[in-house]
Amino acid sequence: MDIARAGVLFYQQGKYKDALEHYYRYFGILERWKGTKPGNLQPKDFDAKKDVAELLLLSGIYWDLAKLHDRTKKKDKAAIKANLD
């Protein structure tokens, strides 16, 4: 959760590249923890009672990503994605 929280702080500071790096690192950790393939995390992978903190954090991160997606031009998105891969 510390990695995700750092991403949230970077997002709040307007350091979007750093936020994205932390968010995607966090997703990778969750995917390994839940035993899913990259990009295949789903709500069914979480227990609604035990994982409530993770689900709340994830919903906030996905909201941040949606806002970034809306603000970013298409070519900029490709450049950001390339830098993260």
N, C-alpha and C. Protein backbone atom coordinates (compact mmCIF):
# COMPACT_ATOMS: atom_id res chain seq x y z
N MET A 1 0.81 -1.20 0.00
CA MET A 1 0.00 0.00 0.00
C MET A 1 0.86 1.26 0.00
N ASP A 2 2.06 1.17 0.53
CA ASP A 2 2.93 2.36 0.58
C ASP A 2 3.25 2.87 -0.82
N ILE A 3 3.46 1.95 -1.75
CA ILE A 3 3.76 2.34 -3.13
C ILE A 3 2.57 3.07 -3.73
N ALA A 4 1.38 2.54 -3.51
CA ALA A 4 0.16 3.17 -4.04
C ALA A 4 -0.05 4.54 -3.40
N ARG A 5 0.15 4.62 -2.09
CA ARG A 5 -0.03 5.91 -1.41
C ARG A 5 0.97 6.95 -1.92
N ALA A 6 2.19 6.52 -2.19
CA ALA A 6 3.18 7.44 -2.76
C ALA A 6 2.69 7.93 -4.13
N GLY A 7 2.11 7.01 -4.90
CA GLY A 7 1.55 7.40 -6.20
C GLY A 7 0.46 8.44 -6.05
N VAL A 8 -0.39 8.27 -5.04
CA VAL A 8 -1.47 9.25 -4.79
C VAL A 8 -0.87 10.61 -4.45
N LEU A 9 0.17 10.62 -3.61
CA LEU A 9 0.82 11.89 -3.26
C LEU A 9 1.43 12.56 -4.48
N PHE A 10 2.10 11.77 -5.31
CA PHE A 10 2.67 12.32 -6.55
C PHE A 10 1.56 12.90 -7.43
N TYR A 11 0.45 12.19 -7.53
CA TYR A 11 -0.67 12.69 -8.34
C TYR A 11 -1.15 14.03 -7.80
N GLN A 12 -1.31 14.12 -6.49
CA GLN A 12 -1.79 15.36 -5.87
C GLN A 12 -0.82 16.52 -6.08
N GLN A 13 0.46 16.21 -6.21
CA GLN A 13 1.48 17.23 -6.43
C GLN A 13 1.64 17.58 -7.91
N GLY A 14 0.89 16.91 -8.77
CA GLY A 14 0.99 17.15 -10.20
C GLY A 14 2.16 16.44 -10.86
N LYS A 15 2.77 15.51 -10.16
CA LYS A 15 3.89 14.73 -10.72
C LYS A 15 3.32 13.44 -11.30
N TYR A 16 2.68 13.59 -12.46
CA TYR A 16 1.89 12.51 -13.03
C TYR A 16 2.72 11.31 -13.49
N LYS A 17 3.89 11.55 -14.04
CA LYS A 17 4.73 10.43 -14.48
C LYS A 17 5.13 9.58 -13.28
N ASP A 18 5.53 10.23 -12.19
CA ASP A 18 5.88 9.50 -10.98
C ASP A 18 4.67 8.75 -10.41
N ALA A 19 3.52 9.39 -10.46
CA ALA A 19 2.29 8.75 -9.99
C ALA A 19 2.00 7.49 -10.80
N LEU A 20 2.09 7.61 -12.12
CA LEU A 20 1.83 6.45 -12.98
C LEU A 20 2.81 5.31 -12.71
N GLU A 21 4.07 5.64 -12.54
CA GLU A 21 5.06 4.60 -12.26
C GLU A 21 4.70 3.85 -10.98
N HIS A 22 4.32 4.58 -9.95
CA HIS A 22 3.96 3.94 -8.69
C HIS A 22 2.66 3.14 -8.82
N TYR A 23 1.69 3.70 -9.52
CA TYR A 23 0.43 2.98 -9.70
C TYR A 23 0.65 1.65 -10.42
N TYR A 24 1.44 1.68 -11.49
CA TYR A 24 1.67 0.45 -12.25
C TYR A 24 2.52 -0.55 -11.47
N ARG A 25 3.46 -0.07 -10.66
CA ARG A 25 4.20 -0.98 -9.77
C ARG A 25 3.24 -1.64 -8.79
N TYR A 26 2.33 -0.86 -8.25
CA TYR A 26 1.34 -1.37 -7.31
C TYR A 26 0.45 -2.42 -7.98
N PHE A 27 0.00 -2.16 -9.20
CA PHE A 27 -0.80 -3.14 -9.94
C PHE A 27 -0.03 -4.44 -10.12
N GLY A 28 1.26 -4.33 -10.45
CA GLY A 28 2.09 -5.52 -10.63
C GLY A 28 2.17 -6.35 -9.35
N ILE A 29 2.31 -5.68 -8.22
CA ILE A 29 2.35 -6.37 -6.94
C ILE A 29 1.02 -7.07 -6.67
N LEU A 30 -0.08 -6.37 -6.91
CA LEU A 30 -1.40 -6.97 -6.71
C LEU A 30 -1.62 -8.17 -7.62
N GLU A 31 -1.17 -8.05 -8.87
CA GLU A 31 -1.34 -9.18 -9.81
C GLU A 31 -0.57 -10.40 -9.33
N ARG A 32 0.65 -10.20 -8.83
CA ARG A 32 1.41 -11.34 -8.31
C ARG A 32 0.76 -11.90 -7.05
N TRP A 33 0.30 -11.03 -6.17
CA TRP A 33 -0.34 -11.45 -4.92
C TRP A 33 -1.61 -12.26 -5.18
N LYS A 34 -2.38 -11.80 -6.16
CA LYS A 34 -3.65 -12.47 -6.47
C LYS A 34 -3.49 -13.59 -7.51
N GLY A 35 -2.28 -13.75 -8.06
CA GLY A 35 -2.03 -14.83 -9.01
C GLY A 35 -2.70 -14.64 -10.36
N THR A 36 -2.81 -13.40 -10.80
CA THR A 36 -3.42 -13.13 -12.10
C THR A 36 -2.35 -12.73 -13.11
N LYS A 37 -2.70 -12.83 -14.36
CA LYS A 37 -1.81 -12.36 -15.42
C LYS A 37 -1.82 -10.84 -15.44
N PRO A 38 -0.74 -10.22 -15.93
CA PRO A 38 -0.71 -8.76 -16.01
C PRO A 38 -1.91 -8.22 -16.79
N GLY A 39 -2.55 -7.22 -16.21
CA GLY A 39 -3.70 -6.59 -16.85
C GLY A 39 -5.02 -7.31 -16.63
N ASN A 40 -5.02 -8.37 -15.81
CA ASN A 40 -6.24 -9.16 -15.64
C ASN A 40 -6.84 -9.11 -14.25
N LEU A 41 -6.46 -8.13 -13.43
CA LEU A 41 -7.09 -8.01 -12.11
C LEU A 41 -8.57 -7.71 -12.29
N GLN A 42 -9.38 -8.37 -11.48
CA GLN A 42 -10.83 -8.16 -11.54
C GLN A 42 -11.38 -8.09 -10.12
N PRO A 43 -12.53 -7.49 -9.95
CA PRO A 43 -13.13 -7.42 -8.60
C PRO A 43 -13.28 -8.79 -7.95
N LYS A 44 -13.54 -9.81 -8.74
CA LYS A 44 -13.72 -11.16 -8.18
C LYS A 44 -12.44 -11.70 -7.53
N ASP A 45 -11.30 -11.08 -7.82
CA ASP A 45 -10.03 -11.52 -7.23
C ASP A 45 -9.90 -11.07 -5.77
N PHE A 46 -10.80 -10.24 -5.31
CA PHE A 46 -10.73 -9.67 -3.97
C PHE A 46 -11.90 -10.13 -3.11
N ASP A 47 -11.64 -10.28 -1.83
CA ASP A 47 -12.68 -10.58 -0.86
C ASP A 47 -13.26 -9.25 -0.38
N ALA A 48 -14.55 -9.07 -0.54
CA ALA A 48 -15.20 -7.79 -0.21
C ALA A 48 -15.04 -7.40 1.25
N LYS A 49 -14.86 -8.35 2.13
CA LYS A 49 -14.71 -8.05 3.56
C LYS A 49 -13.24 -7.90 3.96
N LYS A 50 -12.41 -8.83 3.53
CA LYS A 50 -10.99 -8.81 3.93
C LYS A 50 -10.18 -7.76 3.18
N ASP A 51 -10.53 -7.51 1.94
CA ASP A 51 -9.74 -6.62 1.08
C ASP A 51 -10.38 -5.25 0.88
N VAL A 52 -11.22 -4.83 1.81
CA VAL A 52 -11.94 -3.57 1.62
C VAL A 52 -10.99 -2.37 1.47
N ALA A 53 -9.90 -2.36 2.24
CA ALA A 53 -8.94 -1.24 2.13
C ALA A 53 -8.29 -1.22 0.74
N GLU A 54 -7.92 -2.40 0.24
CA GLU A 54 -7.32 -2.48 -1.10
C GLU A 54 -8.31 -2.02 -2.17
N LEU A 55 -9.55 -2.45 -2.03
CA LEU A 55 -10.57 -2.07 -3.02
C LEU A 55 -10.82 -0.57 -3.02
N LEU A 56 -10.84 0.03 -1.85
CA LEU A 56 -11.04 1.48 -1.76
C LEU A 56 -9.86 2.22 -2.39
N LEU A 57 -8.66 1.77 -2.08
CA LEU A 57 -7.47 2.38 -2.66
C LEU A 57 -7.46 2.22 -4.18
N LEU A 58 -7.79 1.02 -4.64
CA LEU A 58 -7.85 0.77 -6.09
C LEU A 58 -8.86 1.66 -6.79
N SER A 59 -10.01 1.85 -6.18
CA SER A 59 -11.03 2.69 -6.82
C SER A 59 -10.53 4.12 -6.96
N GLY A 60 -9.80 4.62 -5.95
CA GLY A 60 -9.23 5.96 -6.04
C GLY A 60 -8.16 6.06 -7.12
N ILE A 61 -7.34 5.02 -7.23
CA ILE A 61 -6.30 5.01 -8.25
C ILE A 61 -6.91 4.98 -9.65
N TYR A 62 -7.91 4.14 -9.83
CA TYR A 62 -8.55 4.08 -11.15
C TYR A 62 -9.24 5.41 -11.48
N TRP A 63 -9.75 6.08 -10.49
CA TRP A 63 -10.34 7.41 -10.73
C TRP A 63 -9.26 8.38 -11.18
N ASP A 64 -8.10 8.37 -10.50
CA ASP A 64 -6.99 9.23 -10.93
C ASP A 64 -6.57 8.91 -12.35
N LEU A 65 -6.49 7.62 -12.68
CA LEU A 65 -6.09 7.22 -14.03
C LEU A 65 -7.10 7.69 -15.07
N ALA A 66 -8.38 7.63 -14.73
CA ALA A 66 -9.41 8.11 -15.66
C ALA A 66 -9.26 9.61 -15.90
N LYS A 67 -8.98 10.36 -14.84
CA LYS A 67 -8.80 11.81 -14.99
C LYS A 67 -7.56 12.11 -15.83
N LEU A 68 -6.47 11.37 -15.60
CA LEU A 68 -5.27 11.56 -16.41
C LEU A 68 -5.53 11.22 -17.88
N HIS A 69 -6.26 10.17 -18.10
CA HIS A 69 -6.60 9.75 -19.46
C HIS A 69 -7.36 10.85 -20.18
N ASP A 70 -8.28 11.48 -19.50
CA ASP A 70 -9.06 12.55 -20.12
C ASP A 70 -8.21 13.77 -20.45
N ARG A 71 -7.18 14.02 -19.66
CA ARG A 71 -6.35 15.22 -19.84
C ARG A 71 -5.23 15.04 -20.86
N THR A 72 -4.86 13.82 -21.11
CA THR A 72 -3.67 13.55 -21.91
C THR A 72 -4.02 13.34 -23.37
N LYS A 73 -3.21 13.94 -24.22
CA LYS A 73 -3.38 13.74 -25.66
C LYS A 73 -2.94 12.34 -26.03
N LYS A 74 -3.46 11.85 -27.13
CA LYS A 74 -3.19 10.47 -27.54
C LYS A 74 -1.70 10.18 -27.69
N LYS A 75 -0.94 11.06 -28.35
CA LYS A 75 0.48 10.80 -28.55
C LYS A 75 1.24 10.82 -27.23
N ASP A 76 0.79 11.66 -26.28
CA ASP A 76 1.42 11.71 -24.97
C ASP A 76 1.17 10.42 -24.21
N LYS A 77 -0.01 9.83 -24.38
CA LYS A 77 -0.32 8.57 -23.71
C LYS A 77 0.61 7.47 -24.19
N ALA A 78 0.87 7.43 -25.48
CA ALA A 78 1.76 6.41 -26.03
C ALA A 78 3.17 6.59 -25.49
N ALA A 79 3.62 7.83 -25.37
CA ALA A 79 4.96 8.09 -24.84
C ALA A 79 5.05 7.69 -23.37
N ILE A 80 4.04 7.99 -22.60
CA ILE A 80 4.04 7.61 -21.18
C ILE A 80 4.05 6.10 -21.06
N LYS A 81 3.21 5.43 -21.82
CA LYS A 81 3.16 3.96 -21.76
C LYS A 81 4.48 3.35 -22.17
N ALA A 82 5.12 3.88 -23.19
CA ALA A 82 6.41 3.36 -23.65
C ALA A 82 7.47 3.52 -22.58
N ASN A 83 7.44 4.64 -21.84
CA ASN A 83 8.41 4.86 -20.79
C ASN A 83 8.21 3.94 -19.60
N LEU A 84 6.99 3.45 -19.41
CA LEU A 84 6.70 2.58 -18.28
C LEU A 84 7.01 1.12 -18.58
N ASP A 85 7.03 0.75 -19.86
CA ASP A 85 7.26 -0.66 -20.23
C ASP A 85 8.70 -1.05 -20.12
